[in-house]
C-alpha atoms as a PDB file:
ATOM      1  CA  MET A   1      96.098 121.384  97.361  1.00  0.00           C
ATOM      2  CA  ARG A   2      96.373 118.483  93.889  1.00  0.00           C
ATOM      3  CA  VAL A   3      96.534 114.992  95.062  1.00  0.00           C
ATOM      4  CA  PHE A   4      98.069 112.625  92.973  1.00  0.00           C
ATOM      5  CA  THR A   5      98.649 108.832  93.298  1.00  0.00           C
ATOM      6  CA  ILE A   6     100.519 106.113  91.224  1.00  0.00           C
ATOM      7  CA  LEU A   7      99.592 104.021  88.821  1.00  0.00           C
ATOM      8  CA  PRO A   8     100.759  99.745  89.354  1.00  0.00           C
ATOM      9  CA  LEU A   9     102.929  99.436  86.157  1.00  0.00           C
ATOM     10  CA  ARG A  10     103.711  95.941  86.016  1.00  0.00           C
ATOM     11  CA  HIS A  11     100.343  94.273  85.256  1.00  0.00           C
ATOM     12  CA  TRP A  12      98.676  96.288  82.626  1.00  0.00           C
ATOM     13  CA  ARG A  13      95.160  95.111  83.758  1.00  0.00           C
ATOM     14  CA  ASP A  14      95.762  96.441  86.898  1.00  0.00           C
ATOM     15  CA  ALA A  15      95.816 100.018  85.574  1.00  0.00           C
ATOM     16  CA  GLY A  16      92.354 100.534  84.205  1.00  0.00           C
ATOM     17  CA  PRO A  17      90.556  99.703  87.434  1.00  0.00           C
ATOM     18  CA  VAL A  18      93.056 101.386  89.752  1.00  0.00           C
ATOM     19  CA  ALA A  19      92.579 104.762  87.338  1.00  0.00           C
ATOM     20  CA  LYS A  20      88.644 104.313  87.847  1.00  0.00           C
ATOM     21  CA  ALA A  21      88.923 103.784  91.636  1.00  0.00           C
ATOM     22  CA  ALA A  22      91.269 107.050  91.720  1.00  0.00           C
ATOM     23  CA  GLU A  23      89.102 108.859  89.625  1.00  0.00           C
ATOM     24  CA  GLN A  24      86.015 108.135  91.713  1.00  0.00           C
ATOM     25  CA  ALA A  25      87.918 108.941  95.064  1.00  0.00           C
ATOM     26  CA  GLY A  26      88.974 112.748  94.177  1.00  0.00           C
ATOM     27  CA  PHE A  27      92.363 112.311  93.044  1.00  0.00           C
ATOM     28  CA  ASP A  28      93.577 115.044  90.484  1.00  0.00           C
ATOM     29  CA  GLY A  29      96.324 112.935  88.904  1.00  0.00           C
ATOM     30  CA  LEU A  30      97.233 109.599  88.036  1.00  0.00           C
ATOM     31  CA  MET A  31     101.419 108.798  87.476  1.00  0.00           C
ATOM     32  CA  SER A  32     103.522 106.604  86.136  1.00  0.00           C
ATOM     33  CA  VAL A  33     107.851 106.292  86.954  1.00  0.00           C
ATOM     34  CA  GLU A  34     110.452 105.046  85.060  1.00  0.00           C
ATOM     35  CA  LEU A  35     111.844 102.485  87.057  1.00  0.00           C
ATOM     36  CA  LYS A  36     111.449  98.924  85.843  1.00  0.00           C
ATOM     37  CA  HIS A  37     109.014  99.080  83.225  1.00  0.00           C
ATOM     38  CA  ASP A  38     107.995 101.459  80.525  1.00  0.00           C
ATOM     39  CA  PRO A  39     105.707 104.334  81.644  1.00  0.00           C
ATOM     40  CA  PHE A  40     103.970 105.315  79.253  1.00  0.00           C
ATOM     41  CA  THR A  41     101.658 102.088  78.328  1.00  0.00           C
ATOM     42  CA  PRO A  42      99.748 101.861  81.760  1.00  0.00           C
ATOM     43  CA  LEU A  43      98.664 105.367  81.441  1.00  0.00           C
ATOM     44  CA  ALA A  44      97.720 104.518  77.911  1.00  0.00           C
ATOM     45  CA  VAL A  45      95.725 101.979  79.789  1.00  0.00           C
ATOM     46  CA  ALA A  46      94.219 104.657  82.251  1.00  0.00           C
ATOM     47  CA  ALA A  47      93.152 107.001  79.667  1.00  0.00           C
ATOM     48  CA  LEU A  48      90.318 105.033  78.552  1.00  0.00           C
ATOM     49  CA  ALA A  49      89.163 104.238  81.931  1.00  0.00           C
ATOM     50  CA  THR A  50      88.834 107.331  83.145  1.00  0.00           C
ATOM     51  CA  ARG A  51      87.110 110.709  81.874  1.00  0.00           C
ATOM     52  CA  LYS A  52      88.592 113.635  83.799  1.00  0.00           C
ATOM     53  CA  VAL A  53      91.599 112.659  85.965  1.00  0.00           C
ATOM     54  CA  GLU A  54      95.335 113.768  84.662  1.00  0.00           C
ATOM     55  CA  LEU A  55      97.717 111.542  83.114  1.00  0.00           C
ATOM     56  CA  THR A  56     101.201 112.181  83.202  1.00  0.00           C
ATOM     57  CA  PRO A  57     104.726 110.189  84.382  1.00  0.00           C
ATOM     58  CA  SER A  58     106.749 111.544  86.487  1.00  0.00           C
ATOM     59  CA  VAL A  59     109.359 111.117  84.994  1.00  0.00           C
ATOM     60  CA  ALA A  60     110.018 110.060  81.933  1.00  0.00           C
ATOM     61  CA  ILE A  61     113.818 110.075  80.981  1.00  0.00           C
ATOM     62  CA  ALA A  62     114.549 112.517  77.775  1.00  0.00           C
ATOM     63  CA  PHE A  63     117.884 112.103  76.119  1.00  0.00           C
ATOM     64  CA  PRO A  64     117.457 108.197  75.131  1.00  0.00           C
ATOM     65  CA  ARG A  65     114.604 108.901  73.526  1.00  0.00           C
ATOM     66  CA  SER A  66     114.518 111.946  70.622  1.00  0.00           C
ATOM     67  CA  PRO A  67     112.185 114.610  70.980  1.00  0.00           C
ATOM     68  CA  THR A  68     110.635 112.930  67.767  1.00  0.00           C
ATOM     69  CA  VAL A  69     109.573 109.754  69.406  1.00  0.00           C
ATOM     70  CA  MET A  70     109.091 111.383  72.482  1.00  0.00           C
ATOM     71  CA  ALA A  71     106.405 114.127  70.865  1.00  0.00           C
ATOM     72  CA  HIS A  72     104.409 111.408  68.827  1.00  0.00           C
ATOM     73  CA  THR A  73     104.178 109.128  72.502  1.00  0.00           C
ATOM     74  CA  ALA A  74     102.524 112.623  74.221  1.00  0.00           C
ATOM     75  CA  TRP A  75     100.545 113.555  70.738  1.00  0.00           C
ATOM     76  CA  ASP A  76      98.526 110.081  71.093  1.00  0.00           C
ATOM     77  CA  LEU A  77      98.134 110.200  74.879  1.00  0.00           C
ATOM     78  CA  GLN A  78      96.799 113.819  75.023  1.00  0.00           C
ATOM     79  CA  ALA A  79      94.591 112.836  71.775  1.00  0.00           C
ATOM     80  CA  ASN A  80      92.939 109.887  73.298  1.00  0.00           C
ATOM     81  CA  SER A  81      92.683 111.539  76.559  1.00  0.00           C
ATOM     82  CA  ASN A  82      90.517 114.795  74.990  1.00  0.00           C
ATOM     83  CA  GLY A  83      93.784 116.734  76.656  1.00  0.00           C
ATOM     84  CA  ARG A  84      94.280 115.460  79.709  1.00  0.00           C
ATOM     85  CA  PHE A  85      97.974 114.297  79.325  1.00  0.00           C
ATOM     86  CA  VAL A  86     101.246 116.452  80.995  1.00  0.00           C
ATOM     87  CA  LEU A  87     104.580 115.143  80.135  1.00  0.00           C
ATOM     88  CA  GLY A  88     106.667 115.297  83.102  1.00  0.00           C
ATOM     89  CA  LEU A  89     110.497 114.575  81.615  1.00  0.00           C
ATOM     90  CA  GLY A  90     113.901 114.122  83.562  1.00  0.00           C
ATOM     91  CA  SER A  91     117.492 114.185  82.625  1.00  0.00           C
ATOM     92  CA  GLN A  92     118.572 111.413  85.233  1.00  0.00           C
ATOM     93  CA  VAL A  93     122.282 111.503  86.002  1.00  0.00           C
ATOM     94  CA  LYS A  94     125.431 110.622  83.676  1.00  0.00           C
ATOM     95  CA  GLY A  95     126.230 107.051  85.158  1.00  0.00           C
ATOM     96  CA  HIS A  96     122.413 105.932  83.926  1.00  0.00           C
ATOM     97  CA  ASN A  97     122.716 107.636  80.411  1.00  0.00           C
ATOM     98  CA  GLU A  98     126.039 106.600  80.123  1.00  0.00           C
ATOM     99  CA  ARG A  99     126.177 102.971  81.387  1.00  0.00           C
ATOM    100  CA  ARG A 100     122.362 102.327  81.151  1.00  0.00           C
ATOM    101  CA  TYR A 101     121.080 103.596  78.504  1.00  0.00           C
ATOM    102  CA  GLY A 102     124.330 103.554  76.715  1.00  0.00           C
ATOM    103  CA  ILE A 103     124.319 107.270  75.375  1.00  0.00           C
ATOM    104  CA  ALA A 104     126.762 110.159  75.252  1.00  0.00           C
ATOM    105  CA  TRP A 105     126.543 112.948  78.386  1.00  0.00           C
ATOM    106  CA  THR A 106     126.299 116.222  77.536  1.00  0.00           C
ATOM    107  CA  PRO A 107     125.757 118.848  80.217  1.00  0.00           C
ATOM    108  CA  PRO A 108     122.344 118.369  81.192  1.00  0.00           C
ATOM    109  CA  ALA A 109     120.183 121.555  81.602  1.00  0.00           C
ATOM    110  CA  PRO A 110     120.754 123.358  78.022  1.00  0.00           C
ATOM    111  CA  ARG A 111     120.134 120.008  76.596  1.00  0.00           C
ATOM    112  CA  LEU A 112     116.670 119.668  78.057  1.00  0.00           C
ATOM    113  CA  ARG A 113     115.869 122.987  77.721  1.00  0.00           C
ATOM    114  CA  ASP A 114     116.183 122.516  73.742  1.00  0.00           C
ATOM    115  CA  TYR A 115     114.626 119.523  74.294  1.00  0.00           C
ATOM    116  CA  VAL A 116     111.469 121.234  75.205  1.00  0.00           C
ATOM    117  CA  LEU A 117     111.671 123.718  72.785  1.00  0.00           C
ATOM    118  CA  ALA A 118     111.940 120.787  70.118  1.00  0.00           C
ATOM    119  CA  LEU A 119     109.263 119.136  71.548  1.00  0.00           C
ATOM    120  CA  ARG A 120     107.008 122.276  71.279  1.00  0.00           C
ATOM    121  CA  ALA A 121     108.290 122.959  67.298  1.00  0.00           C
ATOM    122  CA  LEU A 122     107.268 119.443  66.290  1.00  0.00           C
ATOM    123  CA  TRP A 123     103.720 119.981  68.064  1.00  0.00           C
ATOM    124  CA  ARG A 124     103.043 123.503  66.558  1.00  0.00           C
ATOM    125  CA  CYS A 125     104.524 121.576  63.256  1.00  0.00           C
ATOM    126  CA  TRP A 126     101.667 119.047  63.549  1.00  0.00           C
ATOM    127  CA  GLU A 127      98.734 120.980  65.200  1.00  0.00           C
ATOM    128  CA  ALA A 128      98.813 124.414  63.568  1.00  0.00           C
ATOM    129  CA  GLY A 129     100.882 122.920  59.828  1.00  0.00           C
ATOM    130  CA  GLU A 130     104.071 125.537  60.254  1.00  0.00           C
ATOM    131  CA  LYS A 131     106.966 124.320  58.950  1.00  0.00           C
ATOM    132  CA  LEU A 132     109.399 122.205  60.568  1.00  0.00           C
ATOM    133  CA  ASP A 133     112.651 124.426  61.008  1.00  0.00           C
ATOM    134  CA  PHE A 134     114.098 123.543  64.314  1.00  0.00           C
ATOM    135  CA  GLU A 135     117.929 123.710  64.896  1.00  0.00           C
ATOM    136  CA  SER A 136     119.703 124.200  68.386  1.00  0.00           C
ATOM    137  CA  PRO A 137     122.873 123.616  69.484  1.00  0.00           C
ATOM    138  CA  HIS A 138     121.297 119.825  70.370  1.00  0.00           C
ATOM    139  CA  TYR A 139     118.330 118.973  67.880  1.00  0.00           C
ATOM    140  CA  LYS A 140     117.967 119.833  64.163  1.00  0.00           C
ATOM    141  CA  LEU A 141     114.724 119.300  63.065  1.00  0.00           C
ATOM    142  CA  SER A 142     113.533 120.247  59.384  1.00  0.00           C
ATOM    143  CA  LEU A 143     111.894 116.928  57.980  1.00  0.00           C
ATOM    144  CA  MET A 144     108.095 116.095  58.512  1.00  0.00           C
ATOM    145  CA  THR A 145     105.919 114.554  55.049  1.00  0.00           C
ATOM    146  CA  PRO A 146     102.717 114.504  55.701  1.00  0.00           C
ATOM    147  CA  ALA A 147     103.023 110.495  55.658  1.00  0.00           C
ATOM    148  CA  PHE A 148     104.419 110.733  59.426  1.00  0.00           C
ATOM    149  CA  ALA A 149     102.431 113.946  60.838  1.00  0.00           C
ATOM    150  CA  PRO A 150      99.843 113.115  63.140  1.00  0.00           C
ATOM    151  CA  GLU A 151      96.295 114.786  62.472  1.00  0.00           C
ATOM    152  CA  PRO A 152      95.571 117.925  64.198  1.00  0.00           C
ATOM    153  CA  THR A 153      93.452 116.829  67.296  1.00  0.00           C
ATOM    154  CA  GLY A 154      92.120 120.529  68.345  1.00  0.00           C
ATOM    155  CA  LEU A 155      93.470 120.385  72.172  1.00  0.00           C
ATOM    156  CA  PRO A 156      95.980 122.356  73.922  1.00  0.00           C
ATOM    157  CA  MET A 157      99.650 121.716  73.550  1.00  0.00           C
ATOM    158  CA  VAL A 158     100.640 119.377  75.649  1.00  0.00           C
ATOM    159  CA  PRO A 159     102.122 120.505  78.851  1.00  0.00           C
ATOM    160  CA  VAL A 160     105.288 119.875  79.611  1.00  0.00           C
ATOM    161  CA  THR A 161     107.368 119.356  83.680  1.00  0.00           C
ATOM    162  CA  ILE A 162     111.161 118.818  84.336  1.00  0.00           C
ATOM    163  CA  ALA A 163     112.717 117.255  87.091  1.00  0.00           C
ATOM    164  CA  ALA A 164     114.545 119.295  88.467  1.00  0.00           C
ATOM    165  CA  VAL A 165     117.393 119.935  91.639  1.00  0.00           C
ATOM    166  CA  GLY A 166     120.250 121.544  90.873  1.00  0.00           C
ATOM    167  CA  ASP A 167     120.006 125.939  90.103  1.00  0.00           C
ATOM    168  CA  ALA A 168     120.514 125.411  86.264  1.00  0.00           C
ATOM    169  CA  MET A 169     117.486 123.090  85.627  1.00  0.00           C
ATOM    170  CA  LEU A 170     115.611 124.947  88.033  1.00  0.00           C
ATOM    171  CA  ARG A 171     116.115 128.107  86.383  1.00  0.00           C
ATOM    172  CA  VAL A 172     115.411 125.836  83.084  1.00  0.00           C
ATOM    173  CA  ALA A 173     112.748 124.669  84.583  1.00  0.00           C
ATOM    174  CA  GLY A 174     110.713 127.933  85.145  1.00  0.00           C
ATOM    175  CA  GLN A 175     112.229 129.736  82.036  1.00  0.00           C
ATOM    176  CA  VAL A 176     110.596 127.038  78.969  1.00  0.00           C
ATOM    177  CA  ALA A 177     108.279 124.399  81.146  1.00  0.00           C
ATOM    178  CA  ASP A 178     105.013 124.353  82.750  1.00  0.00           C
ATOM    179  CA  GLY A 179     105.758 123.222  85.819  1.00  0.00           C
ATOM    180  CA  VAL A 180     108.859 121.310  88.193  1.00  0.00           C
ATOM    181  CA  ARG A 181     108.802 117.971  89.464  1.00  0.00           C
ATOM    182  CA  LEU A 182     110.719 118.166  92.562  1.00  0.00           C
ATOM    183  CA  HIS A 183     112.951 114.948  93.727  1.00  0.00           C
ATOM    184  CA  PRO A 184     112.117 113.415  96.510  1.00  0.00           C
ATOM    185  CA  LEU A 185     115.367 114.297  98.043  1.00  0.00           C
ATOM    186  CA  CYS A 186     113.766 117.641  98.699  1.00  0.00           C
ATOM    187  CA  SER A 187     112.896 119.731 102.046  1.00  0.00           C
ATOM    188  CA  ARG A 188     110.623 122.334 102.344  1.00  0.00           C
ATOM    189  CA  LYS A 189     114.268 124.402 103.400  1.00  0.00           C
ATOM    190  CA  TYR A 190     115.404 123.546 100.464  1.00  0.00           C
ATOM    191  CA  LEU A 191     112.627 124.503  98.357  1.00  0.00           C
ATOM    192  CA  GLU A 192     111.514 127.516  99.602  1.00  0.00           C
ATOM    193  CA  GLU A 193     115.864 128.863 100.074  1.00  0.00           C
ATOM    194  CA  VAL A 194     117.331 127.620  96.577  1.00  0.00           C
ATOM    195  CA  CYS A 195     114.790 126.308  94.577  1.00  0.00           C
ATOM    196  CA  MET A 196     112.274 129.026  94.624  1.00  0.00           C
ATOM    197  CA  PRO A 197     114.452 132.002  93.497  1.00  0.00           C
ATOM    198  CA  GLN A 198     116.212 129.787  91.067  1.00  0.00           C
ATOM    199  CA  ILE A 199     112.226 128.884  89.232  1.00  0.00           C
ATOM    200  CA  GLU A 200     111.546 132.930  89.983  1.00  0.00           C
ATOM    201  CA  GLU A 201     114.750 133.704  87.591  1.00  0.00           C
ATOM    202  CA  GLY A 202     113.818 131.389  85.065  1.00  0.00           C
ATOM    203  CA  MET A 203     110.185 132.564  84.747  1.00  0.00           C
ATOM    204  CA  ARG A 204     111.889 136.150  84.600  1.00  0.00           C
ATOM    205  CA  ARG A 205     113.849 135.501  81.348  1.00  0.00           C
ATOM    206  CA  GLY A 206     111.239 133.092  80.448  1.00  0.00           C
ATOM    207  CA  ASN A 207     107.977 136.230  81.245  1.00  0.00           C
ATOM    208  CA  ARG A 208     106.049 132.943  82.546  1.00  0.00           C
ATOM    209  CA  ILE A 209     103.697 133.181  85.220  1.00  0.00           C
ATOM    210  CA  ARG A 210     103.460 131.403  88.696  1.00  0.00           C
ATOM    211  CA  LYS A 211     100.165 130.874  88.624  1.00  0.00           C
ATOM    212  CA  HIS A 212     100.232 128.486  85.685  1.00  0.00           C
ATOM    213  CA  PHE A 213     103.497 126.966  86.554  1.00  0.00           C
ATOM    214  CA  ASP A 214     102.753 123.691  88.644  1.00  0.00           C
ATOM    215  CA  ILE A 215     105.170 122.754  91.461  1.00  0.00           C
ATOM    216  CA  HIS A 216     105.193 119.059  92.196  1.00  0.00           C
ATOM    217  CA  GLY A 217     106.597 117.358  95.699  1.00  0.00           C
ATOM    218  CA  GLY A 218     109.166 117.452  97.056  1.00  0.00           C
ATOM    219  CA  GLY A 219     109.440 114.837  99.572  1.00  0.00           C
ATOM    220  CA  PHE A 220     107.638 111.794 100.850  1.00  0.00           C
ATOM    221  CA  VAL A 221     104.441 110.837 102.563  1.00  0.00           C
ATOM    222  CA  CYS A 222     104.242 108.604 105.305  1.00  0.00           C
ATOM    223  CA  THR A 223     100.497 107.680 106.922  1.00  0.00           C
ATOM    224  CA  GLY A 224      98.670 105.133 107.633  1.00  0.00           C
ATOM    225  CA  PRO A 225      95.759 103.997 110.119  1.00  0.00           C
ATOM    226  CA  ASN A 226      98.142 103.233 113.104  1.00  0.00           C
ATOM    227  CA  GLU A 227     101.290 104.336 114.571  1.00  0.00           C
ATOM    228  CA  GLN A 228     102.549 100.764 114.106  1.00  0.00           C
ATOM    229  CA  THR A 229     101.574 101.379 109.764  1.00  0.00           C
ATOM    230  CA  VAL A 230     103.170 104.939 110.230  1.00  0.00           C
ATOM    231  CA  ALA A 231     106.653 103.398 111.391  1.00  0.00           C
ATOM    232  CA  ALA A 232     106.619 101.223 108.791  1.00  0.00           C
ATOM    233  CA  GLU A 233     106.230 103.610 105.796  1.00  0.00           C
ATOM    234  CA  VAL A 234     108.987 105.827 107.567  1.00  0.00           C
ATOM    235  CA  ASP A 235     111.201 102.448 107.060  1.00  0.00           C
ATOM    236  CA  LYS A 236     110.748 102.344 103.414  1.00  0.00           C
ATOM    237  CA  ALA A 237     111.509 106.520 103.054  1.00  0.00           C
ATOM    238  CA  ARG A 238     114.498 105.773 105.129  1.00  0.00           C
ATOM    239  CA  GLU A 239     115.278 102.953 102.945  1.00  0.00           C
ATOM    240  CA  ARG A 240     114.895 105.350  99.746  1.00  0.00           C
ATOM    241  CA  ILE A 241     116.795 108.211 101.442  1.00  0.00           C
ATOM    242  CA  GLY A 242     119.546 106.175 101.857  1.00  0.00           C
ATOM    243  CA  PHE A 243     119.556 105.144  97.999  1.00  0.00           C
ATOM    244  CA  TYR A 244     119.205 108.779  96.739  1.00  0.00           C
ATOM    245  CA  ALA A 245     121.379 110.327  99.399  1.00  0.00           C
ATOM    246  CA  SER A 246     124.466 108.309  97.728  1.00  0.00           C
ATOM    247  CA  THR A 247     124.131 110.006  94.912  1.00  0.00           C
ATOM    248  CA  ARG A 248     126.566 112.706  94.946  1.00  0.00           C
ATOM    249  CA  THR A 249     124.418 115.066  92.746  1.00  0.00           C
ATOM    250  CA  TYR A 250     121.978 115.251  95.807  1.00  0.00           C
ATOM    251  CA  LEU A 251     124.677 116.126  98.372  1.00  0.00           C
ATOM    252  CA  PRO A 252     124.093 120.053  98.287  1.00  0.00           C
ATOM    253  CA  ILE A 253     120.861 119.037  99.775  1.00  0.00           C
ATOM    254  CA  LEU A 254     122.078 117.438 102.407  1.00  0.00           C
ATOM    255  CA  GLN A 255     124.693 120.211 102.851  1.00  0.00           C
ATOM    256  CA  LEU A 256     121.805 122.816 103.689  1.00  0.00           C
ATOM    257  CA  HIS A 257     120.598 120.765 106.531  1.00  0.00           C
ATOM    258  CA  GLY A 258     124.534 119.616 107.689  1.00  0.00           C
ATOM    259  CA  LEU A 259     124.185 116.034 106.797  1.00  0.00           C
ATOM    260  CA  GLY A 260     127.079 116.233 104.044  1.00  0.00           C
ATOM    261  CA  ASP A 261     129.273 113.819 105.706  1.00  0.00           C
ATOM    262  CA  LEU A 262     126.326 111.496 105.897  1.00  0.00           C
ATOM    263  CA  GLY A 263     126.538 112.069 101.692  1.00  0.00           C
ATOM    264  CA  LEU A 264     129.929 111.011 101.606  1.00  0.00           C
ATOM    265  CA  LYS A 265     129.317 108.051 103.785  1.00  0.00           C
ATOM    266  CA  LEU A 266     126.366 106.631 101.417  1.00  0.00           C
ATOM    267  CA  HIS A 267     128.493 107.195  98.331  1.00  0.00           C
ATOM    268  CA  ARG A 268     131.646 105.439  99.603  1.00  0.00           C
ATOM    269  CA  MET A 269     128.646 102.457 101.037  1.00  0.00           C
ATOM    270  CA  SER A 270     127.254 102.556  97.260  1.00  0.00           C
ATOM    271  CA  VAL A 271     131.004 102.668  95.860  1.00  0.00           C
ATOM    272  CA  SER A 272     131.227  99.141  97.929  1.00  0.00           C
ATOM    273  CA  GLY A 273     127.709  97.552  96.970  1.00  0.00           C
ATOM    274  CA  GLN A 274     126.697  98.146 100.431  1.00  0.00           C
ATOM    275  CA  TRP A 275     122.684  98.856  99.033  1.00  0.00           C
ATOM    276  CA  ASP A 276     121.090  96.988 102.019  1.00  0.00           C
ATOM    277  CA  LYS A 277     122.663  98.760 104.719  1.00  0.00           C
ATOM    278  CA  MET A 278     122.449 102.249 104.136  1.00  0.00           C
ATOM    279  CA  GLY A 279     118.908 102.882 105.194  1.00  0.00           C
ATOM    280  CA  ALA A 280     120.035 102.079 109.022  1.00  0.00           C
ATOM    281  CA  GLU A 281     122.018 105.152 108.556  1.00  0.00           C
ATOM    282  CA  ILE A 282     119.101 107.583 107.797  1.00  0.00           C
ATOM    283  CA  SER A 283     118.139 108.280 110.937  1.00  0.00           C
ATOM    284  CA  ASP A 284     114.298 109.757 112.155  1.00  0.00           C
ATOM    285  CA  ASP A 285     115.125 113.345 112.189  1.00  0.00           C
ATOM    286  CA  ALA A 286     116.719 112.842 109.005  1.00  0.00           C
ATOM    287  CA  VAL A 287     113.702 111.143 107.502  1.00  0.00           C
ATOM    288  CA  ARG A 288     111.224 114.144 108.636  1.00  0.00           C
ATOM    289  CA  ILE A 289     113.068 116.627 107.235  1.00  0.00           C
ATOM    290  CA  PHE A 290     111.821 114.897 103.666  1.00  0.00           C
ATOM    291  CA  ALA A 291     108.642 113.257 104.465  1.00  0.00           C
ATOM    292  CA  ALA A 292     105.192 114.667 106.006  1.00  0.00           C
ATOM    293  CA  CYS A 293     104.491 111.638 108.628  1.00  0.00           C
ATOM    294  CA  GLY A 294     101.265 111.106 110.655  1.00  0.00           C
ATOM    295  CA  THR A 295      97.968 108.934 110.597  1.00  0.00           C
ATOM    296  CA  TYR A 296      95.494 109.184 108.570  1.00  0.00           C
ATOM    297  CA  ASP A 297      93.673 111.764 111.397  1.00  0.00           C
ATOM    298  CA  ARG A 298      96.475 113.989 111.400  1.00  0.00           C
ATOM    299  CA  LEU A 299      97.659 113.356 107.337  1.00  0.00           C
ATOM    300  CA  PRO A 300      95.908 116.536 106.285  1.00  0.00           C
ATOM    301  CA  LYS A 301      97.964 118.745 108.815  1.00  0.00           C
ATOM    302  CA  ALA A 302     100.728 117.003 108.434  1.00  0.00           C
ATOM    303  CA  ILE A 303     101.024 117.573 104.712  1.00  0.00           C
ATOM    304  CA  GLU A 304      99.824 121.227 105.275  1.00  0.00           C
ATOM    305  CA  GLU A 305     102.855 121.907 107.215  1.00  0.00           C
ATOM    306  CA  ARG A 306     105.204 120.299 105.325  1.00  0.00           C
ATOM    307  CA  PHE A 307     103.917 121.227 101.749  1.00  0.00           C
ATOM    308  CA  GLY A 308     101.725 124.061 102.139  1.00  0.00           C
ATOM    309  CA  GLY A 309     102.291 127.179 100.506  1.00  0.00           C
ATOM    310  CA  ALA A 310     105.147 125.684  98.746  1.00  0.00           C
ATOM    311  CA  ALA A 311     103.852 123.350  96.307  1.00  0.00           C
ATOM    312  CA  ASP A 312     100.894 122.857  94.197  1.00  0.00           C
ATOM    313  CA  SER A 313     100.799 118.773  94.053  1.00  0.00           C
ATOM    314  CA  VAL A 314     101.848 115.929  95.916  1.00  0.00           C
ATOM    315  CA  ASP A 315     101.587 112.311  95.493  1.00  0.00           C
ATOM    316  CA  ILE A 316      99.943 110.290  98.063  1.00  0.00           C
ATOM    317  CA  HIS A 317      99.804 105.860  98.032  1.00  0.00           C
ATOM    318  CA  PHE A 318      97.658 104.222 100.366  1.00  0.00           C
ATOM    319  CA  PRO A 319      97.276 100.880 101.246  1.00  0.00           C
ATOM    320  CA  ASP A 320      95.301  99.050  99.031  1.00  0.00           C
ATOM    321  CA  SER A 321      93.163  98.060 102.514  1.00  0.00           C
ATOM    322  CA  THR A 322      92.060 101.659 103.315  1.00  0.00           C
ATOM    323  CA  PRO A 323      88.542 101.999 102.933  1.00  0.00           C
ATOM    324  CA  ARG A 324      86.961 104.011  99.250  1.00  0.00           C
ATOM    325  CA  GLY A 325      85.346 106.073 101.563  1.00  0.00           C
ATOM    326  CA  LEU A 326      88.196 106.915 103.754  1.00  0.00           C
ATOM    327  CA  VAL A 327      90.361 107.509 100.626  1.00  0.00           C
ATOM    328  CA  ARG A 328      88.037 109.858  99.610  1.00  0.00           C
ATOM    329  CA  GLU A 329      87.626 111.801 102.715  1.00  0.00           C
ATOM    330  CA  LEU A 330      91.424 112.360 102.977  1.00  0.00           C
ATOM    331  CA  VAL A 331      91.380 113.325  99.350  1.00  0.00           C
ATOM    332  CA  THR A 332      89.046 116.024  99.864  1.00  0.00           C
ATOM    333  CA  ASP A 333      90.420 117.117 103.413  1.00  0.00           C
ATOM    334  CA  ILE A 334      94.129 117.477 101.989  1.00  0.00           C
ATOM    335  CA  LYS A 335      92.436 119.555  98.809  1.00  0.00           C
ATOM    336  CA  ARG A 336      91.029 121.679 100.373  1.00  0.00           C
ATOM    337  CA  ILE A 337      94.886 123.677 101.529  1.00  0.00           C
ATOM    338  CA  PRO A 338      95.760 126.471  99.508  1.00  0.00           C
ATOM    339  CA  HIS A 339      97.746 126.205  96.549  1.00  0.00           C
ATOM    340  CA  VAL A 340      99.350 129.097  93.791  1.00  0.00           C
ATOM    341  CA  PHE A 341      98.433 126.979  90.656  1.00  0.00           C
ATOM    342  CA  LYS A 342      95.492 127.628  88.797  1.00  0.00           C
ATOM    343  CA  GLY A 343      95.953 125.589  85.626  1.00  0.00           C
ATOM    344  CA  PHE A 344      98.365 125.352  82.896  1.00  0.00           C
ATOM    345  CA  ASN A 345      97.977 127.734  79.724  1.00  0.00           C
ATOM    346  CA  THR A 346     100.386 126.231  76.896  1.00  0.00           C
ATOM    347  CA  ASN A 347      99.513 129.147  74.883  1.00  0.00           C
ATOM    348  CA  GLN A 348     101.328 131.563  77.099  1.00  0.00           C
END
């Protein structure tokens, strides 16, 4: 299994040393998240501090940025990392698009499909000199003068993975993307019974091959050197699960496990601003539906039971106090877990 970890975002000077240490520990990839800070700048810093580790946002929000703006950012990160960049995209939910980003909302799955295809049209224009002539229901791109076209890189096209929860977006991922970023609020049961059939249908429509498609995550990892630390990590996951489960978009995941009433209750709590009380509604059993939990000595087995044979990659954050040698041993053990993904092929 491929193992990723998270870059620090707030202070850019921290990104380089953390990235270098992660590469030395054997991590396959470094991820950023788009929450309080820009997800791309720390990846640029990490690109200059490393030589082989994959660099990716998980995920960058697509619709507030035009495809051309996103294409330029991805192009520069791919070129300056010597082909190690993977663009993770997400649509976000309606409320955030309309009320936080101030943009109009349309059905996200067909829009994100067009977005990915628009990116690839731009990249073909820049790399191969194709005329830019992309037209879809959501994007029309036909102007690219030499002054605005970056130089060819000689590198493979940037792989694109997308965040997906519902059936339509899962099919889009399989049809046009190079991988899927499953939401943390995703159980193994939901992955196997709901996600995979839709992803496979999308792959069939797009004539794509599973071994070149990366399935990332779908859950949490709660670990530490002792049971007390694991319990603290479980509590952190409990808070995040409560927050995510309050969003009605994710209700079908809860319903699959007989937790639909809990999801409705959490949504009512969010409406009344009871954010600090949501975690208390999440039982230990509910946490373990969505998380691999165990002390360091049991971590590889816990991850294999939770993710093995279903996902290709997972992200883990070890406390800063964890000895570097131990981190390398754990990462090495987890990487021995078999997975299907064999590498991106952006020419397929």
